[in-house]
Protein backbone atom coordinates (compact mmCIF):
# COMPACT_ATOMS: atom_id res chain seq x y z
CA UNK A 1 89.96 -5.84 184.77
CA UNK A 2 91.55 -3.77 187.53
CA UNK A 3 89.36 -0.81 186.59
CA UNK A 4 86.24 -2.85 187.44
CA UNK A 5 87.69 -3.76 190.81
CA UNK A 6 88.69 -0.17 191.55
CA UNK A 7 85.22 1.10 190.65
CA UNK A 8 83.57 -1.53 192.86
CA UNK A 9 85.58 -0.35 195.87
CA UNK A 10 85.94 3.34 194.99
CA UNK A 11 89.75 3.19 195.12
CA UNK A 12 92.65 3.88 192.79
CA UNK A 13 94.52 1.21 190.82
CA UNK A 14 97.51 1.65 193.11
CA UNK A 15 95.33 1.08 196.18
CA UNK A 16 93.83 -2.10 194.69
CA UNK A 17 97.28 -3.45 193.80
CA UNK A 18 98.67 -2.63 197.25
CA UNK A 19 95.66 -4.31 198.86
CA UNK A 20 96.15 -7.39 196.64
CA UNK A 21 99.76 -7.65 197.80
CA UNK A 22 98.81 -7.33 201.46
CA UNK A 23 96.01 -9.89 201.27
CA UNK A 24 98.31 -12.27 199.37
CA UNK A 25 100.84 -12.03 202.21
CA UNK A 26 103.44 -10.18 200.14
CA UNK A 27 105.65 -7.41 201.41
CA UNK A 28 104.61 -4.23 199.68
CA UNK A 29 106.68 -1.05 199.80
CA UNK A 30 104.96 1.59 197.67
CA UNK A 31 106.95 4.68 196.84
CA UNK A 32 106.20 8.15 195.62
CA UNK A 33 107.57 11.66 195.89
CA UNK A 34 104.01 13.02 195.71
CA UNK A 35 102.62 13.56 199.22
CA UNK A 36 99.01 13.02 198.08
CA UNK A 37 99.91 9.64 196.54
CA UNK A 38 101.72 8.59 199.73
CA UNK A 39 98.61 9.38 201.77
CA UNK A 40 96.39 7.59 199.24
CA UNK A 41 98.68 4.53 199.14
CA UNK A 42 98.35 4.11 202.92
CA UNK A 43 94.55 4.27 202.81
CA UNK A 44 93.98 0.58 201.99
CA UNK A 45 92.66 -0.70 205.30
CA UNK A 46 88.95 0.07 204.90
CA UNK A 47 88.21 -2.39 202.10
CA UNK A 48 88.97 -6.02 201.30
CA UNK A 49 89.16 -7.74 197.94
CA UNK A 50 86.89 -10.73 197.42
CA UNK A 51 88.33 -14.16 196.63
CA UNK A 52 87.23 -13.72 193.01
CA UNK A 53 88.94 -10.32 192.77
CA UNK A 54 92.09 -11.77 194.31
CA UNK A 55 92.08 -14.59 191.74
CA UNK A 56 91.54 -12.15 188.86
CA UNK A 57 94.49 -10.04 189.96
CA UNK A 58 96.65 -13.10 190.62
CA UNK A 59 96.12 -14.16 187.01
CA UNK A 60 97.78 -10.90 185.97
CA UNK A 61 100.93 -11.67 187.99
CA UNK A 62 103.94 -12.44 185.80
CA UNK A 63 106.63 -12.45 188.51
CA UNK A 64 108.44 -9.61 186.74
CA UNK A 65 109.86 -6.34 188.00
CA UNK A 66 108.62 -3.12 186.46
CA UNK A 67 111.72 -1.05 187.26
CA UNK A 68 115.50 -1.47 187.14
CA UNK A 69 116.30 -0.65 190.77
């Protein structure tokens, strides 16, 4: 599902997820030690997810953390 959204906008999965968080009004603090990923993660301001895309991604939300920190 996310791969279709990323292809439609020409962005990475991380960018689509970050954009979903921002449009949903969530605080999003992406992190990486890779400089290229940091630059890529910030480049989410030139596209917007549609309402349908937002709903599709919201359905994936399980309110769970993916890391132990």
